[in-house]
């Protein structure tokens, strides 16, 4: 008990320990292209499109995701440096990203 990590106090109850946050790591490809992948694993058969390869230091992922979602008319999220967009219209997503001056490849089947 000499490490002074207080977990519980009778005065205040359970004390939350600060969680360590790691810096946002996104997978950036050497060729400079973004990849649009389709994934259904762990989603009960529902498909989502993943936009992988965006440098989080150069682009605001939340703002970019909001733009994509509004132009697509679909929902989505930003998780671990990857933009997820619901549905499976990869050609439309590719056209939107190319209009935003990104180089894009469709990956996977």
PDB file of N, CA and C in Angstrom:
ATOM      1  N   UNK A   1       0.806  -1.195   0.000  1.00  0.00           N
ATOM      2  CA  UNK A   1       0.000   0.000   0.000  1.00  0.00           C
ATOM      3  C   UNK A   1       0.850   1.260   0.000  1.00  0.00           C
ATOM      4  N   UNK A   2       2.059   1.168  -0.400  1.00  0.00           N
ATOM      5  CA  UNK A   2       2.931   2.338  -0.401  1.00  0.00           C
ATOM      6  C   UNK A   2       2.947   3.056  -1.748  1.00  0.00           C
ATOM      7  N   UNK A   3       2.164   2.586  -2.731  1.00  0.00           N
ATOM      8  CA  UNK A   3       2.184   3.223  -4.046  1.00  0.00           C
ATOM      9  C   UNK A   3       1.200   4.394  -4.147  1.00  0.00           C
ATOM     10  N   UNK A   4       0.389   4.659  -3.123  1.00  0.00           N
ATOM     11  CA  UNK A   4      -0.507   5.816  -3.032  1.00  0.00           C
ATOM     12  C   UNK A   4      -1.526   5.900  -4.159  1.00  0.00           C
ATOM     13  N   UNK A   5      -1.981   4.778  -4.681  1.00  0.00           N
ATOM     14  CA  UNK A   5      -3.049   4.761  -5.676  1.00  0.00           C
ATOM     15  C   UNK A   5      -4.362   4.528  -4.950  1.00  0.00           C
ATOM     16  N   UNK A   6      -5.044   5.611  -4.583  1.00  0.00           N
ATOM     17  CA  UNK A   6      -6.281   5.536  -3.850  1.00  0.00           C
ATOM     18  C   UNK A   6      -7.387   5.052  -4.761  1.00  0.00           C
ATOM     19  N   UNK A   7      -8.058   3.970  -4.372  1.00  0.00           N
ATOM     20  CA  UNK A   7      -9.116   3.386  -5.176  1.00  0.00           C
ATOM     21  C   UNK A   7     -10.482   3.689  -4.565  1.00  0.00           C
ATOM     22  N   UNK A   8     -10.569   3.701  -3.249  1.00  0.00           N
ATOM     23  CA  UNK A   8     -11.854   3.914  -2.579  1.00  0.00           C
ATOM     24  C   UNK A   8     -11.632   4.747  -1.324  1.00  0.00           C
ATOM     25  N   UNK A   9     -12.527   5.682  -1.095  1.00  0.00           N
ATOM     26  CA  UNK A   9     -12.467   6.493   0.101  1.00  0.00           C
ATOM     27  C   UNK A   9     -13.842   6.472   0.749  1.00  0.00           C
ATOM     28  N   UNK A  10     -13.899   6.373   2.062  1.00  0.00           N
ATOM     29  CA  UNK A  10     -15.199   6.364   2.737  1.00  0.00           C
ATOM     30  C   UNK A  10     -15.883   7.721   2.649  1.00  0.00           C
ATOM     31  N   UNK A  11     -15.134   8.770   2.394  1.00  0.00           N
ATOM     32  CA  UNK A  11     -15.721  10.105   2.291  1.00  0.00           C
ATOM     33  C   UNK A  11     -16.374  10.334   0.923  1.00  0.00           C
ATOM     34  N   UNK A  12     -15.744   9.852  -0.147  1.00  0.00           N
ATOM     35  CA  UNK A  12     -16.253  10.147  -1.492  1.00  0.00           C
ATOM     36  C   UNK A  12     -16.689   8.917  -2.270  1.00  0.00           C
ATOM     37  N   UNK A  13     -16.372   7.733  -1.824  1.00  0.00           N
ATOM     38  CA  UNK A  13     -16.736   6.522  -2.549  1.00  0.00           C
ATOM     39  C   UNK A  13     -15.639   6.107  -3.520  1.00  0.00           C
ATOM     40  N   UNK A  14     -16.046   5.436  -4.603  1.00  0.00           N
ATOM     41  CA  UNK A  14     -15.083   4.938  -5.579  1.00  0.00           C
ATOM     42  C   UNK A  14     -14.417   6.106  -6.297  1.00  0.00           C
ATOM     43  N   UNK A  15     -13.117   6.023  -6.446  1.00  0.00           N
ATOM     44  CA  UNK A  15     -12.347   7.072  -7.110  1.00  0.00           C
ATOM     45  C   UNK A  15     -11.869   6.539  -8.454  1.00  0.00           C
ATOM     46  N   UNK A  16     -12.206   7.272  -9.497  1.00  0.00           N
ATOM     47  CA  UNK A  16     -11.826   6.860 -10.852  1.00  0.00           C
ATOM     48  C   UNK A  16     -10.350   7.138 -11.082  1.00  0.00           C
ATOM     49  N   UNK A  17      -9.694   6.181 -11.662  1.00  0.00           N
ATOM     50  CA  UNK A  17      -8.293   6.345 -12.016  1.00  0.00           C
ATOM     51  C   UNK A  17      -8.213   7.002 -13.393  1.00  0.00           C
ATOM     52  N   UNK A  18      -7.313   7.934 -13.597  1.00  0.00           N
ATOM     53  CA  UNK A  18      -7.189   8.539 -14.931  1.00  0.00           C
ATOM     54  C   UNK A  18      -6.736   7.498 -15.945  1.00  0.00           C
ATOM     55  N   UNK A  19      -7.397   7.500 -17.088  1.00  0.00           N
ATOM     56  CA  UNK A  19      -7.064   6.538 -18.135  1.00  0.00           C
ATOM     57  C   UNK A  19      -6.005   7.130 -19.046  1.00  0.00           C
ATOM     58  N   UNK A  20      -5.057   6.312 -19.405  1.00  0.00           N
ATOM     59  CA  UNK A  20      -4.016   6.774 -20.303  1.00  0.00           C
ATOM     60  C   UNK A  20      -4.575   6.857 -21.716  1.00  0.00           C
ATOM     61  N   UNK A  21      -4.348   7.964 -22.356  1.00  0.00           N
ATOM     62  CA  UNK A  21      -4.805   8.125 -23.731  1.00  0.00           C
ATOM     63  C   UNK A  21      -3.605   8.038 -24.653  1.00  0.00           C
ATOM     64  N   UNK A  22      -3.758   7.248 -25.683  1.00  0.00           N
ATOM     65  CA  UNK A  22      -2.679   7.118 -26.645  1.00  0.00           C
ATOM     66  C   UNK A  22      -2.962   8.058 -27.818  1.00  0.00           C
ATOM     67  N   UNK A  23      -1.934   8.551 -28.477  1.00  0.00           N
ATOM     68  CA  UNK A  23      -2.163   9.438 -29.613  1.00  0.00           C
ATOM     69  C   UNK A  23      -2.845   8.692 -30.747  1.00  0.00           C
ATOM     70  N   UNK A  24      -3.627   9.422 -31.515  1.00  0.00           N
ATOM     71  CA  UNK A  24      -4.394   8.837 -32.605  1.00  0.00           C
ATOM     72  C   UNK A  24      -3.455   8.324 -33.693  1.00  0.00           C
ATOM     73  N   UNK A  25      -3.485   7.023 -33.940  1.00  0.00           N
ATOM     74  CA  UNK A  25      -2.660   6.409 -34.967  1.00  0.00           C
ATOM     75  C   UNK A  25      -3.549   6.008 -36.124  1.00  0.00           C
ATOM     76  N   UNK A  26      -3.287   6.541 -37.281  1.00  0.00           N
ATOM     77  CA  UNK A  26      -4.042   6.152 -38.450  1.00  0.00           C
ATOM     78  C   UNK A  26      -3.091   5.503 -39.441  1.00  0.00           C
ATOM     79  N   UNK A  27      -3.620   4.591 -40.203  1.00  0.00           N
ATOM     80  CA  UNK A  27      -2.815   3.864 -41.169  1.00  0.00           C
ATOM     81  C   UNK A  27      -2.709   4.696 -42.441  1.00  0.00           C
ATOM     82  N   UNK A  28      -1.516   5.208 -42.727  1.00  0.00           N
ATOM     83  CA  UNK A  28      -1.281   6.022 -43.910  1.00  0.00           C
ATOM     84  C   UNK A  28      -0.428   5.210 -44.876  1.00  0.00           C
ATOM     85  N   UNK A  29      -0.873   5.110 -46.124  1.00  0.00           N
ATOM     86  CA  UNK A  29      -0.166   4.315 -47.115  1.00  0.00           C
ATOM     87  C   UNK A  29       0.912   5.136 -47.806  1.00  0.00           C
ATOM     88  N   UNK A  30       2.003   4.482 -48.211  1.00  0.00           N
ATOM     89  CA  UNK A  30       3.135   5.165 -48.823  1.00  0.00           C
ATOM     90  C   UNK A  30       2.805   5.752 -50.187  1.00  0.00           C
ATOM     91  N   UNK A  31       1.847   5.150 -50.904  1.00  0.00           N
ATOM     92  CA  UNK A  31       1.527   5.644 -52.242  1.00  0.00           C
ATOM     93  C   UNK A  31       0.631   6.876 -52.222  1.00  0.00           C
ATOM     94  N   UNK A  32       0.130   7.279 -51.044  1.00  0.00           N
ATOM     95  CA  UNK A  32      -0.676   8.478 -50.917  1.00  0.00           C
ATOM     96  C   UNK A  32      -2.141   8.295 -51.245  1.00  0.00           C
ATOM     97  N   UNK A  33      -2.558   7.082 -51.539  1.00  0.00           N
ATOM     98  CA  UNK A  33      -3.949   6.821 -51.870  1.00  0.00           C
ATOM     99  C   UNK A  33      -4.742   6.502 -50.607  1.00  0.00           C
ATOM    100  N   UNK A  34      -6.024   6.880 -50.619  1.00  0.00           N
ATOM    101  CA  UNK A  34      -6.955   6.422 -49.598  1.00  0.00           C
ATOM    102  C   UNK A  34      -7.562   5.123 -50.081  1.00  0.00           C
ATOM    103  N   UNK A  35      -7.938   4.260 -49.174  1.00  0.00           N
ATOM    104  CA  UNK A  35      -8.576   3.003 -49.530  1.00  0.00           C
ATOM    105  C   UNK A  35     -10.013   3.013 -49.007  1.00  0.00           C
ATOM    106  N   UNK A  36     -10.938   2.572 -49.845  1.00  0.00           N
ATOM    107  CA  UNK A  36     -12.319   2.391 -49.420  1.00  0.00           C
ATOM    108  C   UNK A  36     -12.547   0.894 -49.321  1.00  0.00           C
ATOM    109  N   UNK A  37     -12.776   0.425 -48.107  1.00  0.00           N
ATOM    110  CA  UNK A  37     -12.977  -0.995 -47.863  1.00  0.00           C
ATOM    111  C   UNK A  37     -14.427  -1.218 -47.440  1.00  0.00           C
ATOM    112  N   UNK A  38     -14.910  -2.421 -47.661  1.00  0.00           N
ATOM    113  CA  UNK A  38     -16.245  -2.799 -47.205  1.00  0.00           C
ATOM    114  C   UNK A  38     -16.079  -3.822 -46.101  1.00  0.00           C
ATOM    115  N   UNK A  39     -16.832  -3.668 -45.024  1.00  0.00           N
ATOM    116  CA  UNK A  39     -16.699  -4.590 -43.897  1.00  0.00           C
ATOM    117  C   UNK A  39     -18.078  -4.926 -43.339  1.00  0.00           C
ATOM    118  N   UNK A  40     -18.288  -6.207 -43.049  1.00  0.00           N
ATOM    119  CA  UNK A  40     -19.526  -6.644 -42.403  1.00  0.00           C
ATOM    120  C   UNK A  40     -19.241  -7.411 -41.122  1.00  0.00           C
ATOM    121  N   UNK A  41     -17.999  -7.720 -40.854  1.00  0.00           N
ATOM    122  CA  UNK A  41     -17.634  -8.540 -39.700  1.00  0.00           C
ATOM    123  C   UNK A  41     -18.004  -7.839 -38.391  1.00  0.00           C
ATOM    124  N   UNK A  42     -18.734  -8.539 -37.538  1.00  0.00           N
ATOM    125  CA  UNK A  42     -19.110  -8.009 -36.237  1.00  0.00           C
ATOM    126  C   UNK A  42     -20.241  -7.008 -36.297  1.00  0.00           C
ATOM    127  N   UNK A  43     -20.944  -6.929 -37.421  1.00  0.00           N
ATOM    128  CA  UNK A  43     -22.007  -5.939 -37.570  1.00  0.00           C
ATOM    129  C   UNK A  43     -23.341  -6.584 -37.922  1.00  0.00           C
ATOM    130  N   UNK A  44     -23.477  -7.860 -37.616  1.00  0.00           N
ATOM    131  CA  UNK A  44     -24.714  -8.619 -37.866  1.00  0.00           C
ATOM    132  C   UNK A  44     -25.138  -8.557 -39.329  1.00  0.00           C
ATOM    133  N   UNK A  45     -24.162  -8.622 -40.225  1.00  0.00           N
ATOM    134  CA  UNK A  45     -24.448  -8.650 -41.654  1.00  0.00           C
ATOM    135  C   UNK A  45     -24.623  -7.292 -42.299  1.00  0.00           C
ATOM    136  N   UNK A  46     -24.702  -6.247 -41.516  1.00  0.00           N
ATOM    137  CA  UNK A  46     -24.841  -4.901 -42.068  1.00  0.00           C
ATOM    138  C   UNK A  46     -23.477  -4.428 -42.567  1.00  0.00           C
ATOM    139  N   UNK A  47     -23.444  -3.900 -43.757  1.00  0.00           N
ATOM    140  CA  UNK A  47     -22.185  -3.466 -44.338  1.00  0.00           C
ATOM    141  C   UNK A  47     -21.888  -2.007 -44.064  1.00  0.00           C
ATOM    142  N   UNK A  48     -20.612  -1.708 -43.863  1.00  0.00           N
ATOM    143  CA  UNK A  48     -20.152  -0.332 -43.764  1.00  0.00           C
ATOM    144  C   UNK A  48     -18.949  -0.161 -44.686  1.00  0.00           C
ATOM    145  N   UNK A  49     -18.734   1.062 -45.108  1.00  0.00           N
ATOM    146  CA  UNK A  49     -17.564   1.391 -45.906  1.00  0.00           C
ATOM    147  C   UNK A  49     -16.555   2.062 -44.984  1.00  0.00           C
ATOM    148  N   UNK A  50     -15.319   1.645 -45.069  1.00  0.00           N
ATOM    149  CA  UNK A  50     -14.252   2.210 -44.255  1.00  0.00           C
ATOM    150  C   UNK A  50     -13.331   3.032 -45.152  1.00  0.00           C
ATOM    151  N   UNK A  51     -13.085   4.271 -44.777  1.00  0.00           N
ATOM    152  CA  UNK A  51     -12.134   5.115 -45.492  1.00  0.00           C
ATOM    153  C   UNK A  51     -10.848   5.085 -44.682  1.00  0.00           C
ATOM    154  N   UNK A  52      -9.825   4.422 -45.226  1.00  0.00           N
ATOM    155  CA  UNK A  52      -8.580   4.176 -44.514  1.00  0.00           C
ATOM    156  C   UNK A  52      -7.451   4.913 -45.229  1.00  0.00           C
ATOM    157  N   UNK A  53      -6.528   5.470 -44.450  1.00  0.00           N
ATOM    158  CA  UNK A  53      -5.338   6.074 -45.031  1.00  0.00           C
ATOM    159  C   UNK A  53      -5.307   7.584 -44.963  1.00  0.00           C
ATOM    160  N   UNK A  54      -6.225   8.191 -44.221  1.00  0.00           N
ATOM    161  CA  UNK A  54      -6.224   9.648 -44.089  1.00  0.00           C
ATOM    162  C   UNK A  54      -5.280  10.028 -42.956  1.00  0.00           C
ATOM    163  N   UNK A  55      -4.398  10.975 -43.216  1.00  0.00           N
ATOM    164  CA  UNK A  55      -3.462  11.436 -42.201  1.00  0.00           C
ATOM    165  C   UNK A  55      -4.211  12.345 -41.226  1.00  0.00           C
ATOM    166  N   UNK A  56      -4.333  11.892 -39.983  1.00  0.00           N
ATOM    167  CA  UNK A  56      -5.112  12.631 -38.982  1.00  0.00           C
ATOM    168  C   UNK A  56      -4.446  13.944 -38.600  1.00  0.00           C
ATOM    169  N   UNK A  57      -3.148  14.082 -38.839  1.00  0.00           N
ATOM    170  CA  UNK A  57      -2.453  15.317 -38.492  1.00  0.00           C
ATOM    171  C   UNK A  57      -2.712  16.415 -39.520  1.00  0.00           C
ATOM    172  N   UNK A  58      -2.985  16.040 -40.759  1.00  0.00           N
ATOM    173  CA  UNK A  58      -3.189  17.022 -41.817  1.00  0.00           C
ATOM    174  C   UNK A  58      -4.659  17.365 -42.024  1.00  0.00           C
ATOM    175  N   UNK A  59      -5.570  16.464 -41.688  1.00  0.00           N
ATOM    176  CA  UNK A  59      -6.993  16.652 -41.954  1.00  0.00           C
ATOM    177  C   UNK A  59      -7.794  16.457 -40.675  1.00  0.00           C
ATOM    178  N   UNK A  60      -8.851  17.232 -40.525  1.00  0.00           N
ATOM    179  CA  UNK A  60      -9.769  17.076 -39.404  1.00  0.00           C
ATOM    180  C   UNK A  60     -10.750  15.958 -39.762  1.00  0.00           C
ATOM    181  N   UNK A  61     -10.576  14.803 -39.141  1.00  0.00           N
ATOM    182  CA  UNK A  61     -11.365  13.631 -39.501  1.00  0.00           C
ATOM    183  C   UNK A  61     -12.849  13.829 -39.216  1.00  0.00           C
ATOM    184  N   UNK A  62     -13.190  14.486 -38.107  1.00  0.00           N
ATOM    185  CA  UNK A  62     -14.606  14.679 -37.779  1.00  0.00           C
ATOM    186  C   UNK A  62     -15.288  15.587 -38.798  1.00  0.00           C
ATOM    187  N   UNK A  63     -14.608  16.647 -39.204  1.00  0.00           N
ATOM    188  CA  UNK A  63     -15.192  17.561 -40.185  1.00  0.00           C
ATOM    189  C   UNK A  63     -15.321  16.875 -41.546  1.00  0.00           C
ATOM    190  N   UNK A  64     -14.300  16.104 -41.921  1.00  0.00           N
ATOM    191  CA  UNK A  64     -14.345  15.374 -43.189  1.00  0.00           C
ATOM    192  C   UNK A  64     -15.454  14.329 -43.170  1.00  0.00           C
ATOM    193  N   UNK A  65     -15.604  13.618 -42.050  1.00  0.00           N
ATOM    194  CA  UNK A  65     -16.658  12.609 -41.931  1.00  0.00           C
ATOM    195  C   UNK A  65     -18.037  13.252 -42.022  1.00  0.00           C
ATOM    196  N   UNK A  66     -18.203  14.412 -41.416  1.00  0.00           N
ATOM    197  CA  UNK A  66     -19.481  15.111 -41.474  1.00  0.00           C
ATOM    198  C   UNK A  66     -19.819  15.498 -42.909  1.00  0.00           C
ATOM    199  N   UNK A  67     -18.829  15.974 -43.647  1.00  0.00           N
ATOM    200  CA  UNK A  67     -19.031  16.340 -45.048  1.00  0.00           C
ATOM    201  C   UNK A  67     -19.431  15.120 -45.876  1.00  0.00           C
ATOM    202  N   UNK A  68     -18.714  14.024 -45.685  1.00  0.00           N
ATOM    203  CA  UNK A  68     -18.997  12.798 -46.436  1.00  0.00           C
ATOM    204  C   UNK A  68     -20.399  12.287 -46.118  1.00  0.00           C
ATOM    205  N   UNK A  69     -20.740  12.231 -44.833  1.00  0.00           N
ATOM    206  CA  UNK A  69     -22.041  11.707 -44.431  1.00  0.00           C
ATOM    207  C   UNK A  69     -23.189  12.550 -44.965  1.00  0.00           C
ATOM    208  N   UNK A  70     -23.012  13.874 -44.975  1.00  0.00           N
ATOM    209  CA  UNK A  70     -24.084  14.728 -45.473  1.00  0.00           C
ATOM    210  C   UNK A  70     -24.247  14.590 -46.984  1.00  0.00           C
ATOM    211  N   UNK A  71     -23.137  14.443 -47.709  1.00  0.00           N
ATOM    212  CA  UNK A  71     -23.230  14.278 -49.165  1.00  0.00           C
ATOM    213  C   UNK A  71     -23.741  12.888 -49.544  1.00  0.00           C
ATOM    214  N   UNK A  72     -23.442  11.898 -48.725  1.00  0.00           N
ATOM    215  CA  UNK A  72     -23.916  10.540 -48.985  1.00  0.00           C
ATOM    216  C   UNK A  72     -25.364  10.359 -48.526  1.00  0.00           C
ATOM    217  N   UNK A  73     -25.782  11.142 -47.542  1.00  0.00           N
ATOM    218  CA  UNK A  73     -27.116  10.973 -46.988  1.00  0.00           C
ATOM    219  C   UNK A  73     -27.218   9.748 -46.103  1.00  0.00           C
ATOM    220  N   UNK A  74     -26.110   9.388 -45.460  1.00  0.00           N
ATOM    221  CA  UNK A  74     -26.067   8.196 -44.618  1.00  0.00           C
ATOM    222  C   UNK A  74     -25.334   8.505 -43.329  1.00  0.00           C
ATOM    223  N   UNK A  75     -25.457   7.623 -42.365  1.00  0.00           N
ATOM    224  CA  UNK A  75     -24.798   7.788 -41.081  1.00  0.00           C
ATOM    225  C   UNK A  75     -23.391   7.244 -41.105  1.00  0.00           C
ATOM    226  N   UNK A  76     -22.699   7.426 -40.010  1.00  0.00           N
ATOM    227  CA  UNK A  76     -21.345   6.921 -39.912  1.00  0.00           C
ATOM    228  C   UNK A  76     -20.685   7.399 -38.641  1.00  0.00           C
ATOM    229  N   UNK A  77     -19.379   7.148 -38.542  1.00  0.00           N
ATOM    230  CA  UNK A  77     -18.622   7.506 -37.347  1.00  0.00           C
ATOM    231  C   UNK A  77     -17.142   7.584 -37.680  1.00  0.00           C
ATOM    232  N   UNK A  78     -16.370   8.139 -36.740  1.00  0.00           N
ATOM    233  CA  UNK A  78     -14.913   8.140 -36.826  1.00  0.00           C
ATOM    234  C   UNK A  78     -14.409   7.314 -35.662  1.00  0.00           C
ATOM    235  N   UNK A  79     -13.679   6.234 -35.957  1.00  0.00           N
ATOM    236  CA  UNK A  79     -13.139   5.356 -34.922  1.00  0.00           C
ATOM    237  C   UNK A  79     -11.698   5.009 -35.260  1.00  0.00           C
ATOM    238  N   UNK A  80     -10.795   5.270 -34.334  1.00  0.00           N
ATOM    239  CA  UNK A  80      -9.383   4.906 -34.458  1.00  0.00           C
ATOM    240  C   UNK A  80      -8.752   5.425 -35.748  1.00  0.00           C
ATOM    241  N   UNK A  81      -9.074   6.629 -36.153  1.00  0.00           N
ATOM    242  CA  UNK A  81      -8.473   7.211 -37.345  1.00  0.00           C
ATOM    243  C   UNK A  81      -9.056   6.702 -38.646  1.00  0.00           C
ATOM    244  N   UNK A  82     -10.173   5.991 -38.572  1.00  0.00           N
ATOM    245  CA  UNK A  82     -10.842   5.440 -39.759  1.00  0.00           C
ATOM    246  C   UNK A  82     -12.253   6.012 -39.808  1.00  0.00           C
ATOM    247  N   UNK A  83     -12.662   6.478 -40.988  1.00  0.00           N
ATOM    248  CA  UNK A  83     -14.023   6.978 -41.149  1.00  0.00           C
ATOM    249  C   UNK A  83     -14.901   5.822 -41.596  1.00  0.00           C
ATOM    250  N   UNK A  84     -15.981   5.582 -40.857  1.00  0.00           N
ATOM    251  CA  UNK A  84     -16.944   4.541 -41.205  1.00  0.00           C
ATOM    252  C   UNK A  84     -18.196   5.208 -41.744  1.00  0.00           C
ATOM    253  N   UNK A  85     -18.671   4.735 -42.900  1.00  0.00           N
ATOM    254  CA  UNK A  85     -19.896   5.258 -43.493  1.00  0.00           C
ATOM    255  C   UNK A  85     -20.824   4.071 -43.726  1.00  0.00           C
ATOM    256  N   UNK A  86     -22.063   4.188 -43.302  1.00  0.00           N
ATOM    257  CA  UNK A  86     -23.012   3.094 -43.444  1.00  0.00           C
ATOM    258  C   UNK A  86     -23.401   2.901 -44.901  1.00  0.00           C
ATOM    259  N   UNK A  87     -23.710   1.663 -45.253  1.00  0.00           N
ATOM    260  CA  UNK A  87     -24.162   1.355 -46.607  1.00  0.00           C
ATOM    261  C   UNK A  87     -23.065   0.755 -47.460  1.00  0.00           C
ATOM    262  N   UNK A  88     -23.362   0.624 -48.758  1.00  0.00           N
ATOM    263  CA  UNK A  88     -22.395   0.025 -49.671  1.00  0.00           C
ATOM    264  C   UNK A  88     -22.498   0.687 -51.051  1.00  0.00           C
ATOM    265  N   UNK A  89     -22.218   1.972 -51.105  1.00  0.00           N
ATOM    266  CA  UNK A  89     -22.183   2.693 -52.374  1.00  0.00           C
ATOM    267  C   UNK A  89     -20.780   3.273 -52.530  1.00  0.00           C
ATOM    268  N   UNK A  90     -19.816   2.371 -52.761  1.00  0.00           N
ATOM    269  CA  UNK A  90     -18.417   2.776 -52.792  1.00  0.00           C
ATOM    270  C   UNK A  90     -18.078   3.681 -53.964  1.00  0.00           C
ATOM    271  N   UNK A  91     -18.768   3.510 -55.086  1.00  0.00           N
ATOM    272  CA  UNK A  91     -18.495   4.369 -56.240  1.00  0.00           C
ATOM    273  C   UNK A  91     -18.889   5.820 -55.949  1.00  0.00           C
ATOM    274  N   UNK A  92     -20.011   6.018 -55.292  1.00  0.00           N
ATOM    275  CA  UNK A  92     -20.450   7.368 -54.933  1.00  0.00           C
ATOM    276  C   UNK A  92     -19.480   7.983 -53.925  1.00  0.00           C
ATOM    277  N   UNK A  93     -19.038   7.189 -52.952  1.00  0.00           N
ATOM    278  CA  UNK A  93     -18.077   7.658 -51.958  1.00  0.00           C
ATOM    279  C   UNK A  93     -16.754   8.019 -52.619  1.00  0.00           C
ATOM    280  N   UNK A  94     -16.334   7.223 -53.587  1.00  0.00           N
ATOM    281  CA  UNK A  94     -15.098   7.510 -54.309  1.00  0.00           C
ATOM    282  C   UNK A  94     -15.212   8.837 -55.057  1.00  0.00           C
ATOM    283  N   UNK A  95     -16.351   9.079 -55.700  1.00  0.00           N
ATOM    284  CA  UNK A  95     -16.550  10.334 -56.430  1.00  0.00           C
ATOM    285  C   UNK A  95     -16.525  11.536 -55.488  1.00  0.00           C
ATOM    286  N   UNK A  96     -17.116  11.393 -54.313  1.00  0.00           N
ATOM    287  CA  UNK A  96     -17.119  12.484 -53.336  1.00  0.00           C
ATOM    288  C   UNK A  96     -15.709  12.785 -52.862  1.00  0.00           C
ATOM    289  N   UNK A  97     -14.942  11.745 -52.542  1.00  0.00           N
ATOM    290  CA  UNK A  97     -13.569  11.948 -52.071  1.00  0.00           C
ATOM    291  C   UNK A  97     -12.682  12.527 -53.161  1.00  0.00           C
ATOM    292  N   UNK A  98     -12.877  12.098 -54.400  1.00  0.00           N
ATOM    293  CA  UNK A  98     -12.092  12.654 -55.501  1.00  0.00           C
ATOM    294  C   UNK A  98     -12.438  14.120 -55.730  1.00  0.00           C
ATOM    295  N   UNK A  99     -13.708  14.505 -55.508  1.00  0.00           N
ATOM    296  CA  UNK A  99     -14.103  15.909 -55.617  1.00  0.00           C
ATOM    297  C   UNK A  99     -13.446  16.751 -54.517  1.00  0.00           C
ATOM    298  N   UNK A 100     -13.101  16.109 -53.398  1.00  0.00           N
ATOM    299  CA  UNK A 100     -12.403  16.783 -52.304  1.00  0.00           C
ATOM    300  C   UNK A 100     -10.884  16.721 -52.467  1.00  0.00           C
ATOM    301  N   UNK A 101     -10.420  16.348 -53.668  1.00  0.00           N
ATOM    302  CA  UNK A 101      -8.984  16.340 -54.034  1.00  0.00           C
ATOM    303  C   UNK A 101      -8.175  15.234 -53.359  1.00  0.00           C
ATOM    304  N   UNK A 102      -8.793  14.083 -53.078  1.00  0.00           N
ATOM    305  CA  UNK A 102      -8.077  12.932 -52.564  1.00  0.00           C
ATOM    306  C   UNK A 102      -7.866  11.933 -53.691  1.00  0.00           C
ATOM    307  N   UNK A 103      -6.767  11.169 -53.616  1.00  0.00           N
ATOM    308  CA  UNK A 103      -6.550  10.052 -54.529  1.00  0.00           C
ATOM    309  C   UNK A 103      -7.125   8.818 -53.841  1.00  0.00           C
ATOM    310  N   UNK A 104      -8.003   8.087 -54.554  1.00  0.00           N
ATOM    311  CA  UNK A 104      -8.774   7.033 -53.906  1.00  0.00           C
ATOM    312  C   UNK A 104      -8.684   5.733 -54.707  1.00  0.00           C
ATOM    313  N   UNK A 105      -8.598   4.615 -53.979  1.00  0.00           N
ATOM    314  CA  UNK A 105      -8.694   3.271 -54.561  1.00  0.00           C
ATOM    315  C   UNK A 105      -9.761   2.507 -53.804  1.00  0.00           C
ATOM    316  N   UNK A 106     -10.475   1.651 -54.530  1.00  0.00           N
ATOM    317  CA  UNK A 106     -11.434   0.758 -53.886  1.00  0.00           C
ATOM    318  C   UNK A 106     -10.701  -0.546 -53.592  1.00  0.00           C
ATOM    319  N   UNK A 107     -10.682  -0.930 -52.329  1.00  0.00           N
ATOM    320  CA  UNK A 107      -9.942  -2.113 -51.904  1.00  0.00           C
ATOM    321  C   UNK A 107     -10.919  -3.215 -51.520  1.00  0.00           C
ATOM    322  N   UNK A 108     -10.492  -4.416 -51.690  1.00  0.00           N
ATOM    323  CA  UNK A 108     -11.316  -5.558 -51.294  1.00  0.00           C
ATOM    324  C   UNK A 108     -12.372  -5.888 -52.311  1.00  0.00           C
ATOM    325  N   UNK A 109     -13.241  -6.844 -51.970  1.00  0.00           N
ATOM    326  CA  UNK A 109     -14.234  -7.311 -52.929  1.00  0.00           C
ATOM    327  C   UNK A 109     -15.617  -6.922 -52.654  1.00  0.00           C
TER     328      UNK A 109
END
